[in-house]
Amino acid sequence: MNPAQHIPISATHFGELDGSDCPGCQGEERLGFEFSYAFQPIVDLRDGSIYAHEALVRGPQGESAASVLALINDDNRYRFDQACRVKAIKDAVSLGLATLADTRLSINFLPNAVYRPEACIRTTLAAASHHGLPLERIIFETTEGERVGDGRWYAEVMTEYRRIGFLNAIDDFGAGYAGLALLADFQPDLIKLDMGLLRDIDSHGPRQLIIQAVLGLCREMGIQVIAEGVETRAERDWLWRQGAHLMQGYLFARPAFQSLVAAEQIEALKR
């Protein structure tokens, strides 16, 4: 189903839905393959804490994300998206995330795999309730690079998710086709600056001007910024001086397969 062909949110109320009107949510047909997760922390340099753990899809034995995503097609995209949400919550909670005060779980999702926000979110709500993870500690992030055919539909989906209680983020900001135009349609809770923009940011004048402008714009719009792909202390220190305090990257921790990295294990949190 093309997002442009969706049923308007205003056509019904969330409380009246049971998922039966969502074609992508019907049935319990197996995907036909297994997958797992690695978790990479997003750190807060202000207090040396873990702001969130991002769930990154992997094969069942830790194989690359590409090996799993290669199995996704139009026939299983919706079931895969639903299964990802449920498994990310289940795995993170089983590893102890729910007991970590104020630590969030960031889940990547496919906006083009949403038939109807109110119906398609039901399995996520049930999983969060069952595993005891408050909704406000779940972030849904989608990459700017994923071409969303209907920008208004994307904004509608994210607005509904926010209304329900989730946080939302645009990943790889600055890498895709939409750029600042995406912010005109929807202002997320967070954006994640693309690592390509941040590479050697401490010594690259043009990129510095771009990042400074984006940081200033986000401050004015009330959007938090996560600098992802930080690999050196020089990059970290330059970003910190510009007011960026949420960061993610190999400098802090690589994705840990079926494991959560504790703040005490991250040497680079000590400035």
C-alpha atoms as a PDB file:
ATOM      1  CA  MET A   1       0.000   0.000   0.000  1.00  0.00           C
ATOM      2  CA  ASN A   2       1.343   3.435  -0.936  1.00  0.00           C
ATOM      3  CA  PRO A   3       1.360   5.904   1.985  1.00  0.00           C
ATOM      4  CA  ALA A   4      -0.502   8.350  -0.225  1.00  0.00           C
ATOM      5  CA  GLN A   5      -3.417   5.903  -0.244  1.00  0.00           C
ATOM      6  CA  HIS A   6      -3.764   5.802   3.521  1.00  0.00           C
ATOM      7  CA  ILE A   7      -7.008   6.232   5.405  1.00  0.00           C
ATOM      8  CA  PRO A   8      -7.053   9.668   7.110  1.00  0.00           C
ATOM      9  CA  ILE A   9      -6.456   9.628  10.844  1.00  0.00           C
ATOM     10  CA  SER A  10      -9.558  11.703  11.402  1.00  0.00           C
ATOM     11  CA  ALA A  11     -11.713   8.899  10.015  1.00  0.00           C
ATOM     12  CA  THR A  12     -11.854   7.128  13.349  1.00  0.00           C
ATOM     13  CA  HIS A  13     -10.591   7.224  16.913  1.00  0.00           C
ATOM     14  CA  PHE A  14      -7.617   5.306  18.249  1.00  0.00           C
ATOM     15  CA  GLY A  15      -9.671   3.667  20.981  1.00  0.00           C
ATOM     16  CA  GLU A  16     -12.051   2.145  18.433  1.00  0.00           C
ATOM     17  CA  LEU A  17      -9.377   0.247  16.501  1.00  0.00           C
ATOM     18  CA  ASP A  18      -8.413  -3.362  17.004  1.00  0.00           C
ATOM     19  CA  GLY A  19      -6.007  -3.667  14.072  1.00  0.00           C
ATOM     20  CA  SER A  20      -8.483  -5.577  11.905  1.00  0.00           C
ATOM     21  CA  ASP A  21      -8.695  -2.651   9.463  1.00  0.00           C
ATOM     22  CA  CYS A  22      -4.934  -2.580   8.962  1.00  0.00           C
ATOM     23  CA  PRO A  23      -3.975  -5.004   6.155  1.00  0.00           C
ATOM     24  CA  GLY A  24      -0.336  -5.046   7.175  1.00  0.00           C
ATOM     25  CA  CYS A  25      -1.191  -6.070  10.748  1.00  0.00           C
ATOM     26  CA  GLN A  26      -3.530  -8.925   9.907  1.00  0.00           C
ATOM     27  CA  GLY A  27      -2.547 -12.512  10.599  1.00  0.00           C
ATOM     28  CA  GLU A  28       0.480 -14.010  12.321  1.00  0.00           C
ATOM     29  CA  GLU A  29       2.303 -15.318   9.301  1.00  0.00           C
ATOM     30  CA  ARG A  30       5.946 -15.897  10.083  1.00  0.00           C
ATOM     31  CA  LEU A  31       8.569 -13.787   8.399  1.00  0.00           C
ATOM     32  CA  GLY A  32      10.484 -16.894   7.379  1.00  0.00           C
ATOM     33  CA  PHE A  33      13.778 -15.665   8.856  1.00  0.00           C
ATOM     34  CA  GLU A  34      15.184 -14.712  12.237  1.00  0.00           C
ATOM     35  CA  PHE A  35      16.954 -11.562  13.357  1.00  0.00           C
ATOM     36  CA  SER A  36      18.395 -10.061  16.518  1.00  0.00           C
ATOM     37  CA  TYR A  37      19.725  -6.753  17.827  1.00  0.00           C
ATOM     38  CA  ALA A  38      22.875  -4.941  18.795  1.00  0.00           C
ATOM     39  CA  PHE A  39      22.536  -1.883  21.019  1.00  0.00           C
ATOM     40  CA  GLN A  40      24.637   1.273  20.749  1.00  0.00           C
ATOM     41  CA  PRO A  41      24.459   3.952  23.445  1.00  0.00           C
ATOM     42  CA  ILE A  42      23.676   7.603  22.870  1.00  0.00           C
ATOM     43  CA  VAL A  43      25.536   9.499  25.592  1.00  0.00           C
ATOM     44  CA  ASP A  44      24.876  12.759  27.393  1.00  0.00           C
ATOM     45  CA  LEU A  45      28.151  14.553  28.045  1.00  0.00           C
ATOM     46  CA  ARG A  46      26.567  16.951  30.528  1.00  0.00           C
ATOM     47  CA  ASP A  47      26.356  14.338  33.255  1.00  0.00           C
ATOM     48  CA  GLY A  48      28.124  11.325  31.758  1.00  0.00           C
ATOM     49  CA  SER A  49      24.920   9.304  31.455  1.00  0.00           C
ATOM     50  CA  ILE A  50      23.354   7.124  28.773  1.00  0.00           C
ATOM     51  CA  TYR A  51      20.525   9.077  27.133  1.00  0.00           C
ATOM     52  CA  ALA A  52      19.325   6.151  25.048  1.00  0.00           C
ATOM     53  CA  HIS A  53      20.285   2.839  23.497  1.00  0.00           C
ATOM     54  CA  GLU A  54      19.623   2.514  19.774  1.00  0.00           C
ATOM     55  CA  ALA A  55      18.429  -0.919  18.655  1.00  0.00           C
ATOM     56  CA  LEU A  56      20.320  -1.922  15.499  1.00  0.00           C
ATOM     57  CA  VAL A  57      19.080  -4.947  13.605  1.00  0.00           C
ATOM     58  CA  ARG A  58      21.486  -7.856  13.171  1.00  0.00           C
ATOM     59  CA  GLY A  59      21.319 -11.451  12.044  1.00  0.00           C
ATOM     60  CA  PRO A  60      20.610 -14.119  14.684  1.00  0.00           C
ATOM     61  CA  GLN A  61      24.350 -14.721  15.171  1.00  0.00           C
ATOM     62  CA  GLY A  62      25.357 -11.074  14.887  1.00  0.00           C
ATOM     63  CA  GLU A  63      25.488 -10.920  11.099  1.00  0.00           C
ATOM     64  CA  SER A  64      25.342  -7.488   9.478  1.00  0.00           C
ATOM     65  CA  ALA A  65      22.178  -5.427   9.173  1.00  0.00           C
ATOM     66  CA  ALA A  66      22.545  -5.654   5.397  1.00  0.00           C
ATOM     67  CA  SER A  67      22.168  -9.433   5.542  1.00  0.00           C
ATOM     68  CA  VAL A  68      18.779  -8.995   7.208  1.00  0.00           C
ATOM     69  CA  LEU A  69      17.540  -6.026   5.199  1.00  0.00           C
ATOM     70  CA  ALA A  70      18.314  -7.895   1.989  1.00  0.00           C
ATOM     71  CA  LEU A  71      15.456 -10.232   2.919  1.00  0.00           C
ATOM     72  CA  ILE A  72      12.878  -7.437   3.120  1.00  0.00           C
ATOM     73  CA  ASN A  73      10.466  -6.980   0.235  1.00  0.00           C
ATOM     74  CA  ASP A  74       7.032  -5.526  -0.422  1.00  0.00           C
ATOM     75  CA  ASP A  75       5.367  -8.715   0.787  1.00  0.00           C
ATOM     76  CA  ASN A  76       6.956  -8.809   4.251  1.00  0.00           C
ATOM     77  CA  ARG A  77       7.867  -5.155   4.884  1.00  0.00           C
ATOM     78  CA  TYR A  78       4.890  -4.528   7.179  1.00  0.00           C
ATOM     79  CA  ARG A  79       5.285  -7.678   9.213  1.00  0.00           C
ATOM     80  CA  PHE A  80       9.011  -7.004   9.536  1.00  0.00           C
ATOM     81  CA  ASP A  81       8.430  -3.473  10.810  1.00  0.00           C
ATOM     82  CA  GLN A  82       5.938  -4.719  13.396  1.00  0.00           C
ATOM     83  CA  ALA A  83       8.228  -7.577  14.469  1.00  0.00           C
ATOM     84  CA  CYS A  84      11.176  -5.191  14.828  1.00  0.00           C
ATOM     85  CA  ARG A  85       9.319  -2.941  17.243  1.00  0.00           C
ATOM     86  CA  VAL A  86       8.161  -5.793  19.456  1.00  0.00           C
ATOM     87  CA  LYS A  87      11.520  -7.567  19.526  1.00  0.00           C
ATOM     88  CA  ALA A  88      13.482  -4.371  20.195  1.00  0.00           C
ATOM     89  CA  ILE A  89      11.356  -3.673  23.272  1.00  0.00           C
ATOM     90  CA  LYS A  90      11.462  -7.283  24.478  1.00  0.00           C
ATOM     91  CA  ASP A  91      15.231  -7.633  24.036  1.00  0.00           C
ATOM     92  CA  ALA A  92      16.099  -4.259  25.569  1.00  0.00           C
ATOM     93  CA  VAL A  93      13.966  -4.881  28.638  1.00  0.00           C
ATOM     94  CA  SER A  94      15.380  -8.391  29.057  1.00  0.00           C
ATOM     95  CA  LEU A  95      18.845  -6.805  29.126  1.00  0.00           C
ATOM     96  CA  GLY A  96      17.794  -4.431  31.904  1.00  0.00           C
ATOM     97  CA  LEU A  97      16.908  -1.199  30.121  1.00  0.00           C
ATOM     98  CA  ALA A  98      13.652  -0.722  32.038  1.00  0.00           C
ATOM     99  CA  THR A  99      15.597  -0.576  35.302  1.00  0.00           C
ATOM    100  CA  LEU A 100      17.885   2.212  34.048  1.00  0.00           C
ATOM    101  CA  ALA A 101      16.308   5.481  35.146  1.00  0.00           C
ATOM    102  CA  ASP A 102      15.677   7.942  32.310  1.00  0.00           C
ATOM    103  CA  THR A 103      17.386   5.777  29.680  1.00  0.00           C
ATOM    104  CA  ARG A 104      15.416   5.528  26.452  1.00  0.00           C
ATOM    105  CA  LEU A 105      15.145   2.964  23.674  1.00  0.00           C
ATOM    106  CA  SER A 106      15.500   4.219  20.106  1.00  0.00           C
ATOM    107  CA  ILE A 107      13.816   2.071  17.453  1.00  0.00           C
ATOM    108  CA  ASN A 108      14.243   2.547  13.710  1.00  0.00           C
ATOM    109  CA  PHE A 109      11.009   2.221  11.782  1.00  0.00           C
ATOM    110  CA  LEU A 110       9.825   2.341   8.188  1.00  0.00           C
ATOM    111  CA  PRO A 111       7.290   5.145   7.639  1.00  0.00           C
ATOM    112  CA  ASN A 112       6.278   3.525   4.354  1.00  0.00           C
ATOM    113  CA  ALA A 113       5.324   0.394   6.325  1.00  0.00           C
ATOM    114  CA  VAL A 114       2.548   2.189   8.202  1.00  0.00           C
ATOM    115  CA  TYR A 115      -0.968   1.752   6.867  1.00  0.00           C
ATOM    116  CA  ARG A 116      -2.606   3.688   9.616  1.00  0.00           C
ATOM    117  CA  PRO A 117      -0.810   5.079  12.689  1.00  0.00           C
ATOM    118  CA  GLU A 118      -3.560   4.264  15.191  1.00  0.00           C
ATOM    119  CA  ALA A 119      -3.857   0.632  14.103  1.00  0.00           C
ATOM    120  CA  CYS A 120      -0.241  -0.146  13.268  1.00  0.00           C
ATOM    121  CA  ILE A 121       0.972   1.071  16.665  1.00  0.00           C
ATOM    122  CA  ARG A 122      -1.180  -1.370  18.636  1.00  0.00           C
ATOM    123  CA  THR A 123       1.424  -4.145  18.766  1.00  0.00           C
ATOM    124  CA  THR A 124       4.002  -1.635  19.999  1.00  0.00           C
ATOM    125  CA  LEU A 125       1.699  -0.405  22.733  1.00  0.00           C
ATOM    126  CA  ALA A 126       0.952  -3.961  23.805  1.00  0.00           C
ATOM    127  CA  ALA A 127       4.669  -4.856  23.897  1.00  0.00           C
ATOM    128  CA  ALA A 128       5.568  -1.747  25.895  1.00  0.00           C
ATOM    129  CA  SER A 129       2.807  -2.444  28.398  1.00  0.00           C
ATOM    130  CA  HIS A 130       3.650  -6.139  28.705  1.00  0.00           C
ATOM    131  CA  HIS A 131       7.350  -5.503  29.288  1.00  0.00           C
ATOM    132  CA  GLY A 132       6.880  -2.458  31.522  1.00  0.00           C
ATOM    133  CA  LEU A 133       8.559   0.180  29.360  1.00  0.00           C
ATOM    134  CA  PRO A 134       6.888   3.630  29.591  1.00  0.00           C
ATOM    135  CA  LEU A 135       5.950   5.110  26.224  1.00  0.00           C
ATOM    136  CA  GLU A 136       7.865   8.315  26.880  1.00  0.00           C
ATOM    137  CA  ARG A 137      11.056   6.269  26.997  1.00  0.00           C
ATOM    138  CA  ILE A 138      10.626   5.019  23.426  1.00  0.00           C
ATOM    139  CA  ILE A 139      12.031   6.987  20.481  1.00  0.00           C
ATOM    140  CA  PHE A 140      10.967   6.215  16.934  1.00  0.00           C
ATOM    141  CA  GLU A 141      13.578   7.311  14.452  1.00  0.00           C
ATOM    142  CA  THR A 142      13.440   7.285  10.687  1.00  0.00           C
ATOM    143  CA  THR A 143      16.175   8.192   8.284  1.00  0.00           C
ATOM    144  CA  GLU A 144      15.951  11.303   6.162  1.00  0.00           C
ATOM    145  CA  GLY A 145      17.405   9.166   3.401  1.00  0.00           C
ATOM    146  CA  GLU A 146      14.316   6.947   3.212  1.00  0.00           C
ATOM    147  CA  ARG A 147      12.259   8.469   0.462  1.00  0.00           C
ATOM    148  CA  VAL A 148       8.804   9.180   1.837  1.00  0.00           C
ATOM    149  CA  GLY A 149       6.453   9.627  -1.089  1.00  0.00           C
ATOM    150  CA  ASP A 150       3.986  11.778   0.837  1.00  0.00           C
ATOM    151  CA  GLY A 151       5.607  14.295   3.187  1.00  0.00           C
ATOM    152  CA  ARG A 152       2.276  15.204   4.751  1.00  0.00           C
ATOM    153  CA  TRP A 153       1.580  11.520   5.451  1.00  0.00           C
ATOM    154  CA  TYR A 154       4.946  11.194   7.165  1.00  0.00           C
ATOM    155  CA  ALA A 155       4.183  14.264   9.287  1.00  0.00           C
ATOM    156  CA  GLU A 156       0.757  12.831  10.111  1.00  0.00           C
ATOM    157  CA  VAL A 157       2.275   9.531  11.256  1.00  0.00           C
ATOM    158  CA  MET A 158       4.857  11.215  13.467  1.00  0.00           C
ATOM    159  CA  THR A 159       2.343  13.676  14.907  1.00  0.00           C
ATOM    160  CA  GLU A 160       0.093  10.769  15.910  1.00  0.00           C
ATOM    161  CA  TYR A 161       3.012   8.918  17.501  1.00  0.00           C
ATOM    162  CA  ARG A 162       3.863  12.019  19.501  1.00  0.00           C
ATOM    163  CA  ARG A 163       0.232  12.374  20.599  1.00  0.00           C
ATOM    164  CA  ILE A 164       0.272   8.801  21.871  1.00  0.00           C
ATOM    165  CA  GLY A 165       3.362   9.552  23.948  1.00  0.00           C
ATOM    166  CA  PHE A 166       6.434   8.501  21.953  1.00  0.00           C
ATOM    167  CA  LEU A 167       9.445  10.656  21.137  1.00  0.00           C
ATOM    168  CA  ASN A 168      10.521  10.892  17.512  1.00  0.00           C
ATOM    169  CA  ALA A 169      13.751  11.562  15.638  1.00  0.00           C
ATOM    170  CA  ILE A 170      15.039  12.094  12.106  1.00  0.00           C
ATOM    171  CA  ASP A 171      18.178  10.025  11.570  1.00  0.00           C
ATOM    172  CA  ASP A 172      21.065  10.858   9.192  1.00  0.00           C
ATOM    173  CA  PHE A 173      19.961  14.485   8.962  1.00  0.00           C
ATOM    174  CA  GLY A 174      21.885  16.184   6.180  1.00  0.00           C
ATOM    175  CA  ALA A 175      22.456  13.014   4.153  1.00  0.00           C
ATOM    176  CA  GLY A 176      19.163  12.599   2.311  1.00  0.00           C
ATOM    177  CA  TYR A 177      17.184  14.374  -0.339  1.00  0.00           C
ATOM    178  CA  ALA A 178      14.812  16.280   1.924  1.00  0.00           C
ATOM    179  CA  GLY A 179      17.132  18.355   4.097  1.00  0.00           C
ATOM    180  CA  LEU A 180      15.674  21.415   5.743  1.00  0.00           C
ATOM    181  CA  ALA A 181      12.425  21.002   3.796  1.00  0.00           C
ATOM    182  CA  LEU A 182      11.605  18.056   6.049  1.00  0.00           C
ATOM    183  CA  LEU A 183      11.705  20.332   9.106  1.00  0.00           C
ATOM    184  CA  ALA A 184       9.194  22.639   7.472  1.00  0.00           C
ATOM    185  CA  ASP A 185       6.625  19.818   7.396  1.00  0.00           C
ATOM    186  CA  PHE A 186       7.386  18.358  10.786  1.00  0.00           C
ATOM    187  CA  GLN A 187       9.487  19.363  13.779  1.00  0.00           C
ATOM    188  CA  PRO A 188      10.703  16.191  15.533  1.00  0.00           C
ATOM    189  CA  ASP A 189      11.828  15.929  19.130  1.00  0.00           C
ATOM    190  CA  LEU A 190      15.354  15.099  17.955  1.00  0.00           C
ATOM    191  CA  ILE A 191      17.495  15.076  14.857  1.00  0.00           C
ATOM    192  CA  LYS A 192      20.635  12.998  14.435  1.00  0.00           C
ATOM    193  CA  LEU A 193      23.312  14.773  12.420  1.00  0.00           C
ATOM    194  CA  ASP A 194      24.717  12.559   9.688  1.00  0.00           C
ATOM    195  CA  MET A 195      28.193  11.237  10.416  1.00  0.00           C
ATOM    196  CA  GLY A 196      29.388  12.357   6.977  1.00  0.00           C
ATOM    197  CA  LEU A 197      28.875  15.979   8.017  1.00  0.00           C
ATOM    198  CA  LEU A 198      30.707  15.419  11.288  1.00  0.00           C
ATOM    199  CA  ARG A 199      33.797  13.630  10.004  1.00  0.00           C
ATOM    200  CA  ASP A 200      36.863  15.762  10.879  1.00  0.00           C
ATOM    201  CA  ILE A 201      34.514  18.561  11.913  1.00  0.00           C
ATOM    202  CA  ASP A 202      37.220  20.016  14.151  1.00  0.00           C
ATOM    203  CA  SER A 203      39.306  20.994  11.087  1.00  0.00           C
ATOM    204  CA  HIS A 204      36.773  21.417   8.273  1.00  0.00           C
ATOM    205  CA  GLY A 205      35.653  25.047   7.995  1.00  0.00           C
ATOM    206  CA  PRO A 206      32.657  24.685   5.626  1.00  0.00           C
ATOM    207  CA  ARG A 207      31.175  21.811   7.643  1.00  0.00           C
ATOM    208  CA  GLN A 208      31.655  23.803  10.838  1.00  0.00           C
ATOM    209  CA  LEU A 209      29.552  26.637   9.436  1.00  0.00           C
ATOM    210  CA  ILE A 210      26.809  24.205   8.387  1.00  0.00           C
ATOM    211  CA  ILE A 211      26.722  22.446  11.768  1.00  0.00           C
ATOM    212  CA  GLN A 212      26.745  25.728  13.672  1.00  0.00           C
ATOM    213  CA  ALA A 213      23.776  26.909  11.594  1.00  0.00           C
ATOM    214  CA  VAL A 214      21.840  23.670  12.143  1.00  0.00           C
ATOM    215  CA  LEU A 215      22.525  23.732  15.885  1.00  0.00           C
ATOM    216  CA  GLY A 216      21.302  27.320  16.085  1.00  0.00           C
ATOM    217  CA  LEU A 217      18.186  26.523  14.066  1.00  0.00           C
ATOM    218  CA  CYS A 218      17.354  23.533  16.254  1.00  0.00           C
ATOM    219  CA  ARG A 219      17.775  25.572  19.428  1.00  0.00           C
ATOM    220  CA  GLU A 220      15.289  28.105  18.054  1.00  0.00           C
ATOM    221  CA  MET A 221      12.853  25.321  17.121  1.00  0.00           C
ATOM    222  CA  GLY A 222      13.176  23.426  20.405  1.00  0.00           C
ATOM    223  CA  ILE A 223      14.693  20.334  18.749  1.00  0.00           C
ATOM    224  CA  GLN A 224      17.411  18.345  20.497  1.00  0.00           C
ATOM    225  CA  VAL A 225      20.426  17.353  18.409  1.00  0.00           C
ATOM    226  CA  ILE A 226      22.361  14.080  18.534  1.00  0.00           C
ATOM    227  CA  ALA A 227      25.767  14.046  16.864  1.00  0.00           C
ATOM    228  CA  GLU A 228      26.213  10.514  15.505  1.00  0.00           C
ATOM    229  CA  GLY A 229      29.309   8.847  14.168  1.00  0.00           C
ATOM    230  CA  VAL A 230      31.694  10.666  16.521  1.00  0.00           C
ATOM    231  CA  GLU A 231      35.040   8.867  16.275  1.00  0.00           C
ATOM    232  CA  THR A 232      37.708  11.179  17.713  1.00  0.00           C
ATOM    233  CA  ARG A 233      38.169  13.274  20.814  1.00  0.00           C
ATOM    234  CA  ALA A 234      38.808  16.300  18.610  1.00  0.00           C
ATOM    235  CA  GLU A 235      35.378  15.871  16.984  1.00  0.00           C
ATOM    236  CA  ARG A 236      33.789  15.402  20.397  1.00  0.00           C
ATOM    237  CA  ASP A 237      35.435  18.478  21.874  1.00  0.00           C
ATOM    238  CA  TRP A 238      34.539  20.764  18.945  1.00  0.00           C
ATOM    239  CA  LEU A 239      30.903  19.667  19.067  1.00  0.00           C
ATOM    240  CA  TRP A 240      30.800  20.168  22.822  1.00  0.00           C
ATOM    241  CA  ARG A 241      32.077  23.724  22.431  1.00  0.00           C
ATOM    242  CA  GLN A 242      29.223  24.433  20.009  1.00  0.00           C
ATOM    243  CA  GLY A 243      26.665  23.302  22.573  1.00  0.00           C
ATOM    244  CA  ALA A 244      26.076  19.744  21.388  1.00  0.00           C
ATOM    245  CA  HIS A 245      25.887  17.366  24.341  1.00  0.00           C
ATOM    246  CA  LEU A 246      24.138  14.257  22.990  1.00  0.00           C
ATOM    247  CA  MET A 247      26.540  12.075  20.992  1.00  0.00           C
ATOM    248  CA  GLN A 248      26.865   8.594  19.557  1.00  0.00           C
ATOM    249  CA  GLY A 249      29.720   6.847  17.829  1.00  0.00           C
ATOM    250  CA  TYR A 250      32.681   4.496  18.002  1.00  0.00           C
ATOM    251  CA  LEU A 251      34.583   6.920  20.256  1.00  0.00           C
ATOM    252  CA  PHE A 252      32.097   6.030  22.992  1.00  0.00           C
ATOM    253  CA  ALA A 253      31.068   2.478  22.145  1.00  0.00           C
ATOM    254  CA  ARG A 254      30.533   0.164  19.213  1.00  0.00           C
ATOM    255  CA  PRO A 255      27.162  -1.601  18.923  1.00  0.00           C
ATOM    256  CA  ALA A 256      27.074  -4.429  21.461  1.00  0.00           C
ATOM    257  CA  PHE A 257      25.379  -7.583  20.204  1.00  0.00           C
ATOM    258  CA  GLN A 258      22.588  -8.632  22.564  1.00  0.00           C
ATOM    259  CA  SER A 259      24.089  -6.413  25.280  1.00  0.00           C
ATOM    260  CA  LEU A 260      23.809  -2.926  26.771  1.00  0.00           C
ATOM    261  CA  VAL A 261      26.936  -0.834  27.346  1.00  0.00           C
ATOM    262  CA  ALA A 262      27.032   0.852  30.760  1.00  0.00           C
ATOM    263  CA  ALA A 263      28.147   4.441  31.216  1.00  0.00           C
ATOM    264  CA  GLU A 264      30.936   3.264  33.536  1.00  0.00           C
ATOM    265  CA  GLN A 265      32.465   1.354  30.619  1.00  0.00           C
ATOM    266  CA  ILE A 266      32.801   4.426  28.391  1.00  0.00           C
ATOM    267  CA  GLU A 267      36.141   6.135  28.853  1.00  0.00           C
ATOM    268  CA  ALA A 268      35.370   8.916  26.342  1.00  0.00           C
ATOM    269  CA  LEU A 269      32.596  10.261  28.581  1.00  0.00           C
ATOM    270  CA  LYS A 270      35.368  11.710  30.721  1.00  0.00           C
ATOM    271  CA  ARG A 271      36.288  15.021  29.145  1.00  0.00           C
END
